[in-house]
Protein backbone atom coordinates (compact mmCIF):
# COMPACT_ATOMS: atom_id res chain seq x y z
CA MET A 1 30.04 206.20 58.41
CA LYS A 2 29.35 203.96 55.47
CA ASP A 3 25.81 202.60 55.46
CA PHE A 4 25.10 198.87 55.50
CA SER A 5 24.67 198.04 51.82
CA GLY A 6 22.04 195.76 50.39
CA ARG A 7 24.69 193.71 48.57
CA ILE A 8 26.61 192.93 51.74
CA SER A 9 23.50 192.27 53.79
CA THR A 10 22.41 189.75 51.17
CA LEU A 11 25.80 188.02 51.32
CA PHE A 12 25.83 187.72 55.08
CA LEU A 13 22.18 186.70 55.18
CA ALA A 14 23.05 183.85 52.84
CA PHE A 15 25.59 182.35 55.22
CA ALA A 16 23.45 183.14 58.25
CA VAL A 17 20.50 181.09 57.06
CA GLY A 18 22.70 178.17 56.11
CA THR A 19 24.05 178.51 52.58
CA ALA A 20 26.88 176.02 52.88
CA SER A 21 29.20 177.51 50.26
CA ALA A 22 29.02 181.04 51.71
CA SER A 23 29.57 179.77 55.23
CA ALA A 24 32.61 177.75 54.20
CA VAL A 25 34.25 180.64 52.35
CA ILE A 26 33.75 183.24 55.05
CA TYR A 27 34.71 181.14 58.00
CA LYS A 28 37.48 179.10 56.39
CA VAL A 29 39.37 182.28 55.55
CA GLN A 30 39.22 183.40 59.16
CA ALA A 31 39.82 180.08 60.85
CA ASN A 32 43.61 180.36 61.25
CA GLN A 33 44.26 183.07 63.79
CA ILE A 34 47.45 185.11 64.17
CA THR A 35 49.15 184.73 67.56
CA GLU A 36 47.65 187.04 70.19
CA PRO A 37 49.58 190.33 70.02
CA SER A 38 50.18 190.37 73.76
CA GLN A 39 52.50 187.42 73.12
CA ILE A 40 54.51 188.93 70.27
CA THR A 41 56.74 191.94 69.67
CA GLN A 42 57.67 194.02 66.66
CA THR A 43 60.75 191.84 66.07
CA GLU A 44 59.03 188.46 65.92
CA THR A 45 57.78 186.74 62.80
CA VAL A 46 54.03 186.55 62.25
CA LYS A 47 52.47 183.80 60.16
CA ASP A 48 50.65 185.38 57.23
CA ASN A 49 47.68 183.37 55.98
CA GLY A 50 46.74 186.02 53.45
CA GLN A 51 43.80 187.49 55.34
CA LYS A 52 43.68 191.24 55.72
CA THR A 53 43.91 192.58 59.26
CA LEU A 54 43.30 195.96 60.84
CA GLU A 55 45.14 196.70 64.08
CA MET A 56 43.75 199.87 65.63
CA VAL A 57 44.84 201.48 68.90
CA PHE A 58 43.07 204.38 70.62
CA VAL A 59 45.27 206.48 72.89
CA LEU A 60 42.54 208.19 74.87
CA ASP A 61 42.63 211.05 77.38
CA THR A 62 40.40 210.04 80.32
CA THR A 63 40.71 213.17 82.46
CA GLY A 64 37.64 214.97 83.79
CA SER A 65 36.95 217.08 80.71
CA MET A 66 36.66 214.06 78.42
CA GLY A 67 33.42 212.58 79.77
CA GLY A 68 31.32 213.32 76.68
CA LEU A 69 33.86 211.82 74.30
CA ILE A 70 34.22 208.65 76.37
CA GLU A 71 30.46 208.14 76.49
CA GLY A 72 30.27 208.72 72.75
CA ALA A 73 33.01 206.15 72.15
CA LYS A 74 31.05 203.62 74.20
CA THR A 75 28.06 204.20 71.93
CA LYS A 76 29.90 204.02 68.61
CA ILE A 77 32.84 201.63 68.88
CA TRP A 78 30.82 198.60 67.67
CA SER A 79 29.47 200.43 64.63
CA ILE A 80 33.01 201.53 63.72
CA VAL A 81 34.20 197.92 63.84
CA ASN A 82 31.16 196.67 61.90
CA ASP A 83 31.86 199.17 59.14
CA VAL A 84 35.40 197.79 58.83
CA MET A 85 34.33 194.14 58.86
CA GLN A 86 31.87 194.73 56.02
CA ARG A 87 34.55 195.94 53.63
CA LYS A 88 35.15 193.87 50.49
CA ASP A 89 38.21 192.11 51.96
CA ARG A 90 36.36 191.32 55.23
CA PRO A 91 39.42 192.06 57.39
CA LYS A 92 39.64 190.81 60.90
CA VAL A 93 39.92 193.56 63.49
CA LYS A 94 42.10 193.89 66.56
CA ILE A 95 41.72 196.82 68.93
CA GLY A 96 43.91 198.12 71.72
CA LEU A 97 43.43 200.93 74.22
CA VAL A 98 45.75 203.25 76.10
CA ALA A 99 43.90 205.35 78.68
CA TYR A 100 45.97 208.26 79.96
CA ARG A 101 45.86 211.08 82.47
CA ASP A 102 48.72 212.91 84.17
CA ASN A 103 51.34 212.45 86.85
CA GLY A 104 49.68 212.53 90.26
CA ASP A 105 46.34 211.17 89.05
CA ALA A 106 44.98 207.71 89.94
CA TYR A 107 47.00 206.41 86.99
CA VAL A 108 49.16 207.84 84.24
CA THR A 109 48.44 205.14 81.68
CA GLN A 110 46.46 201.91 81.47
CA VAL A 111 47.28 199.72 78.47
CA THR A 112 44.94 197.09 77.02
CA PRO A 113 46.94 195.27 74.30
CA LEU A 114 45.54 194.60 70.85
CA THR A 115 43.08 191.73 70.80
CA GLU A 116 40.32 190.20 68.69
CA ASP A 117 38.26 189.83 71.88
CA LEU A 118 36.10 192.87 71.23
CA ASP A 119 33.94 192.18 74.28
CA LYS A 120 37.07 192.59 76.40
CA ILE A 121 37.80 195.92 74.74
CA TYR A 122 34.22 197.06 75.19
CA SER A 123 34.11 196.01 78.85
CA THR A 124 37.32 197.99 79.42
CA LEU A 125 35.86 200.98 77.64
CA MET A 126 32.69 200.77 79.74
CA ASP A 127 34.82 200.91 82.88
CA PHE A 128 36.54 204.14 81.81
CA ARG A 129 35.55 207.17 83.86
CA ALA A 130 36.51 210.78 83.12
CA GLU A 131 38.35 211.89 86.25
CA GLY A 132 41.54 213.63 87.30
CA GLY A 133 43.50 216.23 85.38
CA GLY A 134 43.17 219.78 86.65
CA ASP A 135 46.08 221.56 85.02
CA THR A 136 46.00 221.97 81.26
CA PRO A 137 48.77 219.70 79.89
CA GLU A 138 48.62 215.91 80.31
CA ASN A 139 51.23 213.17 80.05
CA VAL A 140 50.70 212.72 76.33
CA ARG A 141 54.37 211.85 75.92
CA ARG A 142 54.13 208.61 77.88
CA ALA A 143 50.69 207.77 76.49
CA LEU A 144 51.78 207.99 72.87
CA ALA A 145 55.02 206.12 73.56
CA GLU A 146 53.15 203.26 75.21
CA GLY A 147 50.62 203.23 72.38
CA VAL A 148 53.50 202.58 69.99
CA ASP A 149 55.72 200.38 72.20
CA LYS A 150 53.37 198.44 74.47
CA ALA A 151 50.14 197.83 72.57
CA GLY A 152 51.31 194.50 71.15
CA TRP A 153 51.44 195.38 67.46
CA ALA A 154 52.26 192.45 65.18
CA LYS A 155 55.28 192.60 62.95
CA THR A 156 54.35 194.56 59.86
CA ASN A 157 53.27 192.58 56.81
CA PRO A 158 51.56 193.59 53.56
CA ASN A 159 48.19 192.31 54.75
CA THR A 160 48.10 194.33 57.97
CA ALA A 161 47.08 197.97 58.45
CA GLN A 162 48.27 199.47 61.73
CA ILE A 163 46.51 202.69 62.65
CA LEU A 164 46.69 204.72 65.86
CA PHE A 165 44.33 207.46 67.03
CA LEU A 166 45.51 209.97 69.64
CA VAL A 167 42.36 211.49 71.18
CA GLY A 168 42.44 214.31 73.71
CA ASP A 169 41.88 217.97 74.45
CA ALA A 170 45.15 219.14 76.06
CA PRO A 171 48.76 219.43 74.89
CA PRO A 172 51.62 217.34 76.26
CA HIS A 173 53.67 218.25 79.33
CA ASN A 174 56.84 219.20 77.47
CA ASP A 175 58.63 219.65 80.78
CA TYR A 176 58.43 215.87 81.32
CA VAL A 177 61.87 215.34 79.81
CA GLN A 178 62.06 211.82 81.25
CA GLU A 179 59.45 210.82 78.64
CA PRO A 180 60.18 210.68 74.87
CA ASP A 181 59.10 213.68 72.82
CA VAL A 182 55.84 213.07 70.92
CA LEU A 183 57.48 213.75 67.56
CA VAL A 184 60.28 211.28 68.28
CA THR A 185 57.63 208.66 69.09
CA THR A 186 55.67 209.58 65.97
CA ALA A 187 58.76 209.13 63.80
CA LYS A 188 59.32 205.72 65.39
CA ALA A 189 55.72 204.72 64.62
CA VAL A 190 56.07 205.70 60.96
CA SER A 191 59.36 203.79 60.70
CA GLN A 192 57.39 200.71 61.77
CA ASN A 193 54.73 201.38 59.08
CA MET A 194 52.08 202.66 61.49
CA ILE A 195 49.83 205.62 60.73
CA VAL A 196 49.20 208.16 63.50
CA ASN A 197 46.00 210.25 63.52
CA THR A 198 44.97 212.91 66.02
CA ILE A 199 41.50 213.92 67.17
CA GLN A 200 41.26 217.14 69.18
CA CYS A 201 38.22 217.61 71.39
CA GLY A 202 37.32 221.27 72.02
CA ASN A 203 39.58 224.21 71.30
CA LEU A 204 41.99 224.47 74.22
CA GLY A 205 44.94 226.69 73.36
CA GLY A 206 48.21 224.97 72.52
CA THR A 207 46.63 221.67 71.48
CA LYS A 208 45.82 222.28 67.82
CA GLU A 209 49.37 223.03 66.74
CA VAL A 210 50.82 219.92 68.41
CA TRP A 211 48.00 217.64 67.24
CA GLN A 212 48.33 218.89 63.66
CA THR A 213 52.09 218.34 63.64
CA ILE A 214 51.79 214.82 65.07
CA ALA A 215 49.23 213.89 62.39
CA GLN A 216 51.35 215.41 59.62
CA ARG A 217 54.52 213.63 60.79
CA GLY A 218 52.50 210.47 61.41
CA GLU A 219 51.22 210.41 57.81
CA GLY A 220 47.71 210.54 59.23
CA LYS A 221 44.88 213.03 59.60
CA TYR A 222 44.01 215.73 62.13
CA PHE A 223 40.40 216.23 63.20
CA ALA A 224 38.84 218.90 65.39
CA ILE A 225 35.55 217.87 67.01
CA ALA A 226 33.30 219.20 69.76
CA GLN A 227 34.45 218.89 73.37
CA ASP A 228 31.67 216.40 74.05
CA GLY A 229 32.72 214.17 71.14
CA GLY A 230 29.96 215.30 68.80
CA VAL A 231 28.47 211.81 68.50
CA GLN A 232 24.96 211.62 67.09
CA ALA A 233 23.23 208.83 69.00
CA ILE A 234 20.11 207.82 67.07
CA SER A 235 17.60 205.50 68.73
CA THR A 236 15.62 203.18 66.49
CA PRO A 237 12.57 200.91 66.87
CA TYR A 238 14.86 197.89 66.33
CA ASP A 239 17.40 198.40 69.12
CA VAL A 240 15.66 196.50 71.92
CA ARG A 241 14.99 193.40 69.82
CA LEU A 242 18.57 193.37 68.51
CA ALA A 243 19.90 193.51 72.07
CA GLU A 244 17.69 190.56 72.99
CA LEU A 245 18.94 188.60 69.98
CA ALA A 246 22.58 189.22 70.89
CA ASN A 247 21.87 187.76 74.31
CA LYS A 248 20.16 184.74 72.73
CA LEU A 249 23.13 184.24 70.43
CA GLY A 250 25.43 184.21 73.44
CA GLY A 251 23.20 181.54 74.93
CA THR A 252 24.32 179.07 72.24
CA TYR A 253 27.91 179.27 73.55
CA LEU A 254 29.65 175.99 74.51
CA ALA A 255 32.99 176.33 76.32
CA TYR A 256 35.61 173.72 75.46
CA GLY A 257 39.34 173.07 75.80
CA GLY A 258 41.60 173.10 78.82
CA GLY A 259 42.29 169.37 79.00
CA ALA A 260 41.49 166.81 81.66
CA GLY A 261 41.19 167.04 85.42
CA ALA A 262 40.23 169.85 87.74
CA ALA A 263 42.26 172.44 85.80
CA GLY A 264 40.41 171.64 82.58
CA GLU A 265 37.02 171.74 84.25
CA ARG A 266 37.90 175.07 85.83
CA PHE A 267 39.03 176.45 82.45
CA ARG A 268 35.72 175.55 80.79
CA GLU A 269 33.71 176.76 83.77
CA ASP A 270 35.59 180.05 83.86
CA SER A 271 35.11 180.53 80.10
CA ALA A 272 31.36 179.96 80.42
CA LYS A 273 31.12 182.28 83.43
CA LYS A 274 33.07 184.99 81.63
CA GLN A 275 30.77 184.79 78.62
CA ALA A 276 27.65 184.96 80.83
CA ALA A 277 29.08 187.86 82.85
CA THR A 278 29.87 189.79 79.68
CA GLU A 279 26.33 189.39 78.37
CA SER A 280 24.96 190.47 81.74
CA LYS A 281 27.21 193.53 81.95
CA VAL A 282 26.42 194.67 78.43
CA LEU A 283 22.68 194.30 79.01
CA ALA A 284 22.91 196.24 82.26
CA ASP A 285 25.31 199.05 81.33
CA ALA A 286 25.72 199.53 77.57
CA PRO A 287 23.70 202.15 75.67
CA MET A 288 20.92 200.53 73.68
CA ALA A 289 22.40 201.70 70.37
CA ALA A 290 25.69 200.03 71.27
CA GLN A 291 23.88 196.81 72.14
CA ALA A 292 22.21 196.84 68.73
CA ASP A 293 25.55 197.35 66.98
CA ARG A 294 27.12 194.61 69.09
CA ALA A 295 24.37 192.24 67.93
CA MET A 296 25.34 192.95 64.35
CA ASN A 297 28.99 192.28 65.17
CA LYS A 298 28.16 188.93 66.73
CA ALA A 299 26.37 188.00 63.52
CA ILE A 300 29.24 188.83 61.13
CA ASN A 301 32.35 188.24 63.26
CA SER A 302 33.80 184.73 63.05
CA ALA A 303 35.95 185.51 66.13
CA ALA A 304 32.98 186.68 68.17
CA TYR A 305 33.46 184.27 71.07
CA SER A 306 36.50 182.84 72.86
CA ASN A 307 36.89 179.09 73.54
CA ASP A 308 33.55 178.33 71.90
CA LEU A 309 33.08 174.84 70.45
CA ILE A 310 30.22 175.91 68.17
CA GLN A 311 32.25 178.72 66.65
CA SER A 312 35.31 176.50 66.14
CA ILE A 313 33.21 173.87 64.34
CA GLU A 314 31.52 176.53 62.26
CA ASN A 315 34.90 178.05 61.36
CA GLU A 316 36.08 174.55 60.35
CA SER A 317 39.10 174.90 62.63
CA VAL A 318 38.06 171.70 64.44
CA LYS A 319 35.83 168.69 63.80
CA LEU A 320 33.63 167.43 66.61
CA GLU A 321 34.86 163.86 66.24
CA ASP A 322 38.47 165.04 66.66
CA VAL A 323 37.87 166.88 69.96
CA LYS A 324 39.16 164.86 72.89
CA ASP A 325 36.60 163.88 75.52
CA GLU A 326 38.53 165.71 78.22
CA ASP A 327 38.18 168.99 76.28
CA LEU A 328 34.41 168.75 75.93
CA PRO A 329 31.85 170.51 78.12
CA GLU A 330 30.36 168.25 80.78
CA ASN A 331 26.98 167.78 79.10
CA LEU A 332 28.58 166.53 75.86
CA LYS A 333 30.95 164.15 77.64
CA LYS A 334 28.01 162.02 78.72
CA MET A 335 26.69 161.66 75.16
CA SER A 336 27.56 159.31 72.32
CA LEU A 337 29.15 160.83 69.21
CA ALA A 338 25.80 160.70 67.42
CA GLU A 339 24.11 162.50 70.30
CA ARG A 340 26.89 165.09 70.40
CA LYS A 341 26.49 165.78 66.71
CA LYS A 342 22.76 166.19 67.14
CA GLU A 343 23.25 168.70 69.98
CA VAL A 344 25.84 170.68 68.01
CA GLU A 345 23.64 170.73 64.91
CA LYS A 346 20.77 172.00 67.04
CA ARG A 347 22.87 174.87 68.37
CA LEU A 348 24.24 175.65 64.92
CA ALA A 349 20.71 175.84 63.52
CA GLU A 350 19.63 178.08 66.40
CA ARG A 351 22.65 180.34 65.87
CA LYS A 352 21.98 180.65 62.13
CA ALA A 353 18.32 181.51 62.73
CA ILE A 354 19.25 184.20 65.27
CA ARG A 355 21.86 185.63 62.90
CA ALA A 356 19.33 185.78 60.08
CA GLU A 357 16.97 187.85 62.23
CA ILE A 358 19.80 190.10 63.42
CA LEU A 359 20.90 190.82 59.84
CA GLU A 360 17.37 191.48 58.66
CA LEU A 361 16.65 193.91 61.52
CA SER A 362 20.08 195.54 61.16
CA LYS A 363 19.36 196.32 57.54
CA LYS A 364 16.10 198.02 58.52
CA ARG A 365 17.88 199.81 61.37
CA ASP A 366 20.57 201.14 59.03
CA GLU A 367 17.94 202.47 56.66
CA PHE A 368 16.21 204.20 59.59
CA ILE A 369 19.49 205.74 60.78
CA LYS A 370 20.40 206.88 57.27
CA ALA A 371 17.09 208.74 57.00
CA GLU A 372 17.53 210.35 60.43
CA ARG A 373 21.10 211.42 59.63
CA ALA A 374 19.88 213.10 56.48
CA LYS A 375 17.59 215.23 58.65
CA LEU A 376 20.39 216.08 61.10
CA GLY A 377 22.88 217.10 58.42
CA LYS A 378 26.66 216.71 58.34
CA GLN A 379 28.27 214.71 61.14
CA ASP A 380 31.60 215.84 62.61
CA GLY A 381 31.84 213.67 65.70
CA PHE A 382 34.30 211.08 66.98
CA ASP A 383 32.90 208.17 64.96
CA ALA A 384 32.80 210.20 61.74
CA ALA A 385 36.44 211.22 62.23
CA VAL A 386 37.57 207.64 62.81
CA SER A 387 35.60 206.30 59.83
CA ASN A 388 36.91 209.10 57.62
CA ALA A 389 40.50 208.22 58.46
CA LEU A 390 39.99 204.46 58.16
CA SER A 391 38.33 204.69 54.74
CA GLU A 392 41.40 206.29 53.18
CA GLN A 393 44.13 204.66 55.25
CA MET A 394 42.92 201.07 55.01
CA LEU A 395 42.77 201.45 51.24
CA ARG A 396 46.28 202.90 51.34
CA LYS A 397 47.36 199.74 53.16
CA GLY A 398 45.69 197.49 50.62
CA ILE A 399 42.38 196.67 52.36
CA LYS A 400 39.57 197.10 49.85
């Protein structure tokens, strides 16, 4: 995975500590959001504001033999996203998940549509458990078809890269003739300008040939990694403090929107509760390395929080004076406009100070990890495979 460069850390540090011009450029570009993909289909028109976007879907085998890979993905998903967001074009990132098993298991597929709400994706990933399976083949046919048809991809445009990763250790049940053949689905994906990659865990017979063919037909790459995912989890002296800072950053959140009356109050209350619950869950369950990477993401991602007044003001998508009273959180409703501005400025200053510390520590952390990786040698795990594919394929799709 690409290391956090000094040039980029300097750029982000500039906006974090309050350089007005840097803040305006970075956030203004990302203020206008594309419609949530769960609300659009391949045939609908998507407004293109010129910003580069990566849509990435993981179609992931969650049967009993995949425990190591799933745990590795939980550790590395934030660092994969951070690597993408630090590219020259600073693309926004949407992720979707398709968990799959086999007929007769607790579920065959579970689809989480593409979203910019990366905490939602991570919470879903944390809930994944490796269970079920038993016989060798799995229902890869349905899983891949739903990854292409039901993940909520936006209509293709020149500024969007759409990349799918099929990750598993067993071949498809080719006797499931009620499901579309994997190569038919792959051809459909390519016709819609998607790229299909495959990552094979372990060396179970019959998988390699199918996975290689899917990747070849999908204009993607095939990777063979260890059964346990091969992820190198490196602890650093900075992880604990970064996790604390991410929690502090979440503490500056101010839910808004929803309108007047009980429904509006409930909307804002639910948004605040959801944010607090997410922070609590991450602190309780996420690996420390993942928490540190999540802190970095919160510092560089202008879509880090949902329904957050501070973020919307910072992104310049709204002005405080234009927000209706009924959309404000209860504590701001009781204040004059001058008092509201003072409270918002206080939270903005706090957020910028926290970001500055996160970016400074993240730079030191990346240097530590780089040195440790050099000692460990070549990396061939899940995260290295994904980053390898993304580096070439995002450039192919015009994301520098």
